[in-house]
Amino acid sequence: KIVRISEESPIKAKEFMKNGVIKKLNEVRRIFKNALKGLKALHDRGLVHLDIKPANILRIEATGKLGKKYKYQLSDFGSMVTVSQVKVKAKGLKGKIGDLKEFIKSISQRGTDIYFPPDFKDLERCSDEKSILNALKHIEKVDIYALGVTMYEIYNSIMWPGSSWRKADLGYLKERSYSKLVKGFRLRMHPKEEELLEAIAECIEDNPMSRPNVDALLALPIISKEIPFDKA
């Protein structure tokens, strides 16, 4: 059975709530890890997805000896481009600032607005050819930003099913003002929750060069290891 992540959160509200914060956090980190593995497979082959969002992460359900098991994977590769295509096109447009801006616009239109990095879209109004070429050189960082926003949306939905998040939340993430994100829901955060939010915050850094690559994210303990249950 395959379910899109965007369709899932309200359905499993009671199940997640009764199993506690750690189980919910482990669900988020499992989705994060699986999505990163899919993204690594693309980036290692010089491919950029360009439209990562909750609706493009699938949950695949399988029944084994221990009961139901879930894994998650990226889907919808219709917007994908190769890094080499982008670099060749950009090289051919050197000295043609208007055409470069149009190229940037065409790439932005492949994605979904809220998940696309604003710094990249701002290049449509930029007259600095060097800045535009540098952004195109690191096109894979568009996917990192989109995954960060996606994972925050999933985190928000799983931790408090049925709730909605605001664009202001991304500002709080960048400021590392995590208490503002959970205010009104719980008195305090689990330490691992802040660690997870820190990983998400790194993905949505304003400067693309400050965003980690997939290998760095996969190496983070909060991503790579299951969170153990607290001992009573």
Foldseek 3Di string as FASTA:
>chain_A
DKDQLVVPLQPCQVVLVVVDDQVLLLVLLQQLLQALVQLCVQVVVQKAQLADASRQKMWDWDQDPVGIDIHIYGHDRPLMDGLVVLLVVLVVCPPPLQVLLVVLVVSNVSYDPVLFAPLSNCSNVDPDSVVSNVCSNPVNLRVLSSSLVRSVQSSLCSVRNPDGDDPVVLVCLLVLVVCVVCPPPDPDDDPLVSVVSVLSSQSRDNDSVSRDHSVVSCPDCSNVDRDDDDDD
